[in-house]
N, C-alpha and C. Protein backbone atom coordinates (compact mmCIF):
# COMPACT_ATOMS: atom_id res chain seq x y z
N MET A 1 0.96 -1.11 -0.07
CA MET A 1 0.11 0.10 0.07
C MET A 1 0.83 1.42 0.10
N SER A 2 0.53 2.35 -0.66
CA SER A 2 1.15 3.37 -0.56
C SER A 2 0.21 4.56 -0.52
N GLY A 3 0.51 5.69 -0.36
CA GLY A 3 -0.23 7.12 -0.33
C GLY A 3 -1.40 6.91 0.65
N LYS A 4 -2.47 7.31 0.18
CA LYS A 4 -3.71 7.59 0.75
C LYS A 4 -4.37 6.05 1.27
N GLY A 5 -3.84 5.08 0.69
CA GLY A 5 -4.49 3.59 0.90
C GLY A 5 -3.84 3.03 2.33
N ALA A 6 -2.08 3.43 2.28
CA ALA A 6 -1.52 3.30 3.63
C ALA A 6 -2.08 3.88 4.88
N LEU A 7 -2.49 5.37 4.71
CA LEU A 7 -2.99 5.87 5.59
C LEU A 7 -4.20 5.44 6.29
N ALA A 8 -5.13 5.20 5.30
CA ALA A 8 -6.43 4.45 5.66
C ALA A 8 -6.44 3.36 6.12
N GLY A 9 -5.42 2.53 5.69
CA GLY A 9 -5.21 1.14 6.45
C GLY A 9 -4.73 1.15 7.72
N TYR A 10 -3.84 2.09 7.96
CA TYR A 10 -3.23 2.61 9.34
C TYR A 10 -4.39 2.95 10.16
N LYS A 11 -5.22 3.81 10.07
CA LYS A 11 -6.29 4.70 10.58
C LYS A 11 -7.49 3.64 11.21
N ASP A 12 -7.56 2.75 10.09
CA ASP A 12 -8.61 1.56 10.47
C ASP A 12 -8.04 0.46 11.39
N ALA A 13 -6.70 0.22 11.33
CA ALA A 13 -6.24 -0.60 12.28
C ALA A 13 -5.92 -0.16 13.69
N MET A 14 -5.74 1.52 13.76
CA MET A 14 -5.84 2.11 14.95
C MET A 14 -7.20 2.03 15.67
N LYS A 15 -8.04 2.05 14.64
CA LYS A 15 -9.46 2.19 15.51
C LYS A 15 -9.81 0.63 16.24
N THR A 16 -9.28 -0.37 15.67
CA THR A 16 -9.32 -1.47 16.48
C THR A 16 -8.70 -1.92 17.44
N ILE A 17 -7.31 -1.42 17.92
CA ILE A 17 -6.61 -1.64 18.87
C ILE A 17 -6.76 -0.82 20.30
N HIS A 18 -6.73 -1.49 21.23
CA HIS A 18 -6.95 -1.00 22.68
C HIS A 18 -6.31 -0.81 23.56
N ASP A 19 -5.06 -1.82 23.55
CA ASP A 19 -3.89 -1.80 24.44
C ASP A 19 -2.92 -0.56 23.91
N PRO A 20 -2.72 0.20 24.99
CA PRO A 20 -1.93 1.41 24.81
C PRO A 20 -0.14 0.90 24.17
N SER A 21 -0.07 -0.52 24.78
CA SER A 21 1.55 -1.10 24.22
C SER A 21 1.35 -1.12 22.70
N ASP A 22 0.38 -1.90 22.25
CA ASP A 22 0.13 -2.15 20.84
C ASP A 22 -0.15 -1.08 20.01
N VAL A 23 -0.71 -0.04 20.65
CA VAL A 23 -1.16 1.39 19.90
C VAL A 23 0.37 2.02 19.59
N GLN A 24 1.54 1.99 20.52
CA GLN A 24 2.73 2.56 20.46
C GLN A 24 3.17 1.96 19.63
N LEU A 25 3.27 0.42 19.36
CA LEU A 25 4.07 -0.32 18.46
C LEU A 25 3.72 0.10 17.10
N LEU A 26 2.33 -0.03 16.93
CA LEU A 26 1.93 0.40 15.45
C LEU A 26 2.05 1.67 14.96
N LYS A 27 2.21 3.01 16.06
CA LYS A 27 2.55 3.97 15.67
C LYS A 27 4.06 4.20 15.18
N THR A 28 4.86 3.46 15.94
CA THR A 28 6.25 3.34 15.74
C THR A 28 6.57 2.94 14.57
N MET A 29 5.99 1.56 14.25
CA MET A 29 6.23 0.73 12.78
C MET A 29 5.70 1.70 11.81
N TYR A 30 4.74 2.33 12.00
CA TYR A 30 4.21 3.50 10.88
C TYR A 30 5.34 4.54 10.74
N GLN A 31 5.51 4.87 11.48
CA GLN A 31 6.67 6.10 11.45
C GLN A 31 7.89 5.74 10.81
N PHE A 32 8.46 4.42 11.09
CA PHE A 32 9.44 3.81 10.76
C PHE A 32 9.44 3.43 9.17
N ASN A 33 8.34 2.83 8.84
CA ASN A 33 7.99 2.67 7.40
C ASN A 33 7.69 4.00 6.54
N LYS A 34 7.24 4.86 7.09
CA LYS A 34 7.11 6.24 6.33
C LYS A 34 8.09 7.09 6.13
N SER A 35 9.18 6.81 7.10
CA SER A 35 10.55 7.48 6.87
C SER A 35 11.60 6.45 6.24
N CYS A 36 11.05 5.24 5.85
CA CYS A 36 12.35 4.62 5.02
C CYS A 36 12.42 4.94 3.64
N LEU A 37 13.68 5.44 3.34
CA LEU A 37 14.02 5.93 1.82
C LEU A 37 14.65 4.62 1.07
N LYS A 38 15.64 4.01 1.50
CA LYS A 38 15.90 3.03 1.08
C LYS A 38 16.46 1.90 1.90
N THR A 39 16.23 0.46 1.39
CA THR A 39 16.40 -0.75 2.11
C THR A 39 17.30 -1.91 1.21
N ASN A 40 17.80 -2.81 1.71
CA ASN A 40 18.10 -3.97 0.98
C ASN A 40 17.36 -5.28 1.68
N PHE A 41 16.24 -5.13 2.25
CA PHE A 41 15.42 -5.77 3.16
C PHE A 41 14.88 -6.99 1.98
N TYR A 42 14.42 -6.41 0.98
CA TYR A 42 13.88 -7.53 0.01
C TYR A 42 14.89 -8.22 -1.03
N LYS A 43 16.35 -7.73 -0.85
CA LYS A 43 17.15 -8.65 -1.54
C LYS A 43 17.62 -10.14 -0.81
N GLU A 44 18.02 -11.05 -1.77
CA GLU A 44 18.50 -12.28 -1.34
C GLU A 44 20.05 -12.29 -1.01
N ASP A 45 20.15 -13.29 -0.01
CA ASP A 45 21.81 -13.46 0.33
C ASP A 45 22.39 -12.16 0.69
N VAL A 46 22.07 -11.26 1.66
CA VAL A 46 22.74 -10.24 2.18
C VAL A 46 23.14 -10.48 3.59
N GLY A 47 24.69 -10.03 3.90
CA GLY A 47 25.18 -10.36 5.19
C GLY A 47 24.55 -9.55 6.29
N ALA A 48 23.90 -8.50 6.01
CA ALA A 48 23.15 -7.62 7.11
C ALA A 48 22.12 -6.80 6.24
N VAL A 49 21.07 -6.46 7.10
CA VAL A 49 19.96 -5.80 6.69
C VAL A 49 20.10 -4.22 6.79
N GLY A 50 20.06 -3.06 5.73
CA GLY A 50 20.06 -1.87 6.01
C GLY A 50 18.90 -1.12 5.74
N PHE A 51 18.90 0.14 6.40
CA PHE A 51 17.87 0.99 6.17
C PHE A 51 18.30 2.27 6.11
N ARG A 52 17.89 3.25 5.33
CA ARG A 52 18.17 4.68 5.36
C ARG A 52 16.94 5.31 5.60
N LEU A 53 16.92 6.17 6.84
CA LEU A 53 15.84 6.83 7.22
C LEU A 53 15.80 8.11 6.67
N ASP A 54 14.66 9.06 6.54
CA ASP A 54 14.45 10.32 6.34
C ASP A 54 14.53 10.87 7.56
N PRO A 55 15.63 11.54 8.18
CA PRO A 55 15.36 12.35 9.70
C PRO A 55 14.31 13.21 9.56
N LYS A 56 13.81 13.80 8.59
CA LYS A 56 12.90 15.06 8.77
C LYS A 56 11.45 14.47 9.06
N VAL A 57 11.40 13.00 8.71
CA VAL A 57 10.13 12.32 9.04
C VAL A 57 10.29 11.57 10.24
N PHE A 58 11.41 10.67 10.32
CA PHE A 58 11.66 9.86 11.44
C PHE A 58 11.84 10.35 12.78
N LEU A 59 12.25 11.99 12.90
CA LEU A 59 12.67 12.83 13.90
C LEU A 59 11.51 13.90 14.05
N ALA A 60 10.48 13.59 13.28
CA ALA A 60 9.20 14.89 13.02
C ALA A 60 8.73 15.28 14.30
N ASP A 61 8.67 14.20 15.46
CA ASP A 61 8.06 14.86 16.46
C ASP A 61 9.23 14.89 17.62
N SER A 62 10.34 14.61 17.42
CA SER A 62 11.47 15.07 18.44
C SER A 62 11.95 16.26 18.56
N LYS A 63 12.26 16.71 19.78
CA LYS A 63 12.97 17.93 19.95
C LYS A 63 14.52 17.86 20.03
N VAL A 64 14.96 17.74 18.75
CA VAL A 64 16.54 17.98 18.57
C VAL A 64 17.09 19.11 18.16
N PRO A 65 18.40 19.35 18.73
CA PRO A 65 18.89 20.78 18.30
C PRO A 65 18.90 21.02 16.63
N GLU A 66 19.33 19.97 16.05
CA GLU A 66 19.72 19.80 14.40
C GLU A 66 19.27 18.64 13.77
N ILE A 67 18.45 18.57 13.02
CA ILE A 67 18.05 17.49 12.00
C ILE A 67 19.47 16.98 11.26
N PRO A 68 19.55 15.62 11.26
CA PRO A 68 20.68 15.33 10.70
C PRO A 68 20.40 14.87 9.09
N PHE A 69 21.47 14.93 8.36
CA PHE A 69 21.18 14.71 6.94
C PHE A 69 20.56 13.44 6.64
N ALA A 70 21.35 12.45 7.52
CA ALA A 70 20.68 11.32 6.96
C ALA A 70 21.10 10.26 8.15
N ILE A 71 20.16 9.18 8.39
CA ILE A 71 20.22 8.06 9.56
C ILE A 71 20.34 6.63 8.69
N PHE A 72 21.04 5.89 9.18
CA PHE A 72 21.36 4.53 8.49
C PHE A 72 21.22 3.66 9.90
N LEU A 73 20.51 2.59 9.53
CA LEU A 73 20.45 1.38 10.83
C LEU A 73 20.86 0.12 10.03
N ILE A 74 21.73 -0.58 10.33
CA ILE A 74 22.18 -1.86 9.91
C ILE A 74 22.01 -2.95 11.02
N LEU A 75 21.35 -4.01 10.55
CA LEU A 75 21.24 -5.10 11.42
C LEU A 75 21.62 -6.23 11.02
N GLY A 76 22.71 -7.03 11.60
CA GLY A 76 23.74 -8.04 11.02
C GLY A 76 22.97 -9.31 11.95
N HIS A 77 23.92 -10.55 11.64
CA HIS A 77 23.30 -11.56 12.38
C HIS A 77 23.84 -11.57 13.93
N ASP A 78 24.99 -10.61 14.23
CA ASP A 78 25.59 -11.06 15.43
C ASP A 78 25.87 -9.39 16.10
N PHE A 79 25.05 -8.17 15.08
CA PHE A 79 25.68 -6.90 15.45
C PHE A 79 24.36 -6.11 15.09
N ASN A 80 24.54 -5.08 15.82
CA ASN A 80 23.41 -3.83 15.19
C ASN A 80 24.58 -2.54 15.17
N GLY A 81 24.16 -2.05 14.04
CA GLY A 81 24.99 -0.80 13.64
C GLY A 81 24.30 0.71 13.36
N PHE A 82 24.46 1.69 13.57
CA PHE A 82 24.01 2.83 13.01
C PHE A 82 24.84 4.18 12.44
N HIS A 83 24.54 5.03 11.83
CA HIS A 83 25.30 5.95 11.25
C HIS A 83 24.55 7.18 11.06
N VAL A 84 24.75 8.31 11.84
CA VAL A 84 24.14 9.59 11.66
C VAL A 84 25.03 10.72 11.06
N ARG A 85 24.57 11.16 9.70
CA ARG A 85 25.31 12.16 9.24
C ARG A 85 24.76 13.57 9.03
N PHE A 86 25.45 14.53 9.18
CA PHE A 86 24.89 15.62 9.20
C PHE A 86 25.18 16.51 7.95
N ARG A 87 26.05 15.83 7.12
CA ARG A 87 26.24 16.23 5.79
C ARG A 87 26.13 15.27 4.95
N ASP A 88 26.24 15.55 3.55
CA ASP A 88 26.11 14.33 2.50
C ASP A 88 27.15 13.33 2.45
N ILE A 89 28.38 14.07 2.65
CA ILE A 89 29.61 13.54 2.92
C ILE A 89 29.85 13.68 4.13
N ALA A 90 29.96 12.63 4.82
CA ALA A 90 30.34 12.60 6.49
C ALA A 90 31.63 11.63 6.59
N ARG A 91 32.14 11.82 7.87
CA ARG A 91 33.21 10.90 8.43
C ARG A 91 32.93 10.41 9.54
N GLY A 92 33.68 9.15 9.98
CA GLY A 92 33.27 8.80 11.23
C GLY A 92 32.78 7.30 11.32
N GLY A 93 32.42 6.70 10.05
CA GLY A 93 31.92 5.44 9.83
C GLY A 93 30.62 5.11 10.78
N ILE A 94 30.41 3.85 10.77
CA ILE A 94 29.23 3.23 11.53
C ILE A 94 29.41 2.66 12.69
N ARG A 95 28.55 3.00 13.62
CA ARG A 95 29.03 2.84 15.24
C ARG A 95 28.34 1.26 15.38
N MET A 96 28.78 0.54 15.79
CA MET A 96 28.24 -0.82 16.16
C MET A 96 28.24 -1.09 17.42
N ILE A 97 27.33 -1.92 18.03
CA ILE A 97 27.13 -2.36 19.42
C ILE A 97 27.13 -3.82 19.16
N LEU A 98 28.13 -4.42 19.84
CA LEU A 98 28.45 -5.58 19.70
C LEU A 98 28.05 -6.05 20.97
N SER A 99 27.16 -7.33 21.20
CA SER A 99 26.75 -7.82 22.28
C SER A 99 27.08 -9.33 22.47
N THR A 100 27.23 -9.60 23.73
CA THR A 100 27.43 -10.97 24.11
C THR A 100 26.44 -11.10 25.27
N LYS A 101 26.49 -12.69 25.56
CA LYS A 101 25.62 -12.95 26.64
C LYS A 101 25.70 -11.95 28.11
N ASP A 102 26.94 -11.83 28.25
CA ASP A 102 27.37 -10.83 29.44
C ASP A 102 26.60 -9.43 29.44
N ASN A 103 26.78 -8.74 28.04
CA ASN A 103 26.45 -7.31 28.05
C ASN A 103 25.29 -6.95 27.47
N TYR A 104 24.61 -7.99 26.98
CA TYR A 104 23.51 -7.69 25.97
C TYR A 104 22.33 -6.90 26.76
N ASP A 105 21.88 -7.35 27.78
CA ASP A 105 20.78 -6.55 28.67
C ASP A 105 21.25 -5.17 28.73
N ASN A 106 22.49 -4.71 29.13
CA ASN A 106 22.94 -3.39 29.20
C ASN A 106 22.86 -2.72 27.99
N ASN A 107 23.20 -3.37 26.98
CA ASN A 107 23.28 -2.65 25.68
C ASN A 107 21.92 -2.55 25.09
N ARG A 108 20.98 -3.49 25.15
CA ARG A 108 19.71 -3.57 24.94
C ARG A 108 18.97 -2.19 25.56
N ASP A 109 19.20 -1.98 26.74
CA ASP A 109 18.73 -0.87 27.72
C ASP A 109 19.19 0.35 27.39
N THR A 110 20.47 0.53 26.92
CA THR A 110 21.00 1.88 26.48
C THR A 110 20.91 2.37 24.89
């Protein structure tokens, strides 16, 4: 679905959900999907799944001092990473959060 069809489906679904946690989850998923500009999610045989998000949409309700140029999320088999850039060409690379059994809970919470 795209355009008005997706919005109508979203609004119809919101009318049927009564649990506040479920409402928040659906809102978050809708916001993520609406802000996704590029992904390799649909490709076969990838080592990691990546998403490029439109910060103007993804952070629309956030009170941040400066909206970034782009946000990238990367999810691999044994890692999660992100990259926030404030210009088209940025330096610094991907921030990776490596988790083990010992630090997973702390990484998830932060």
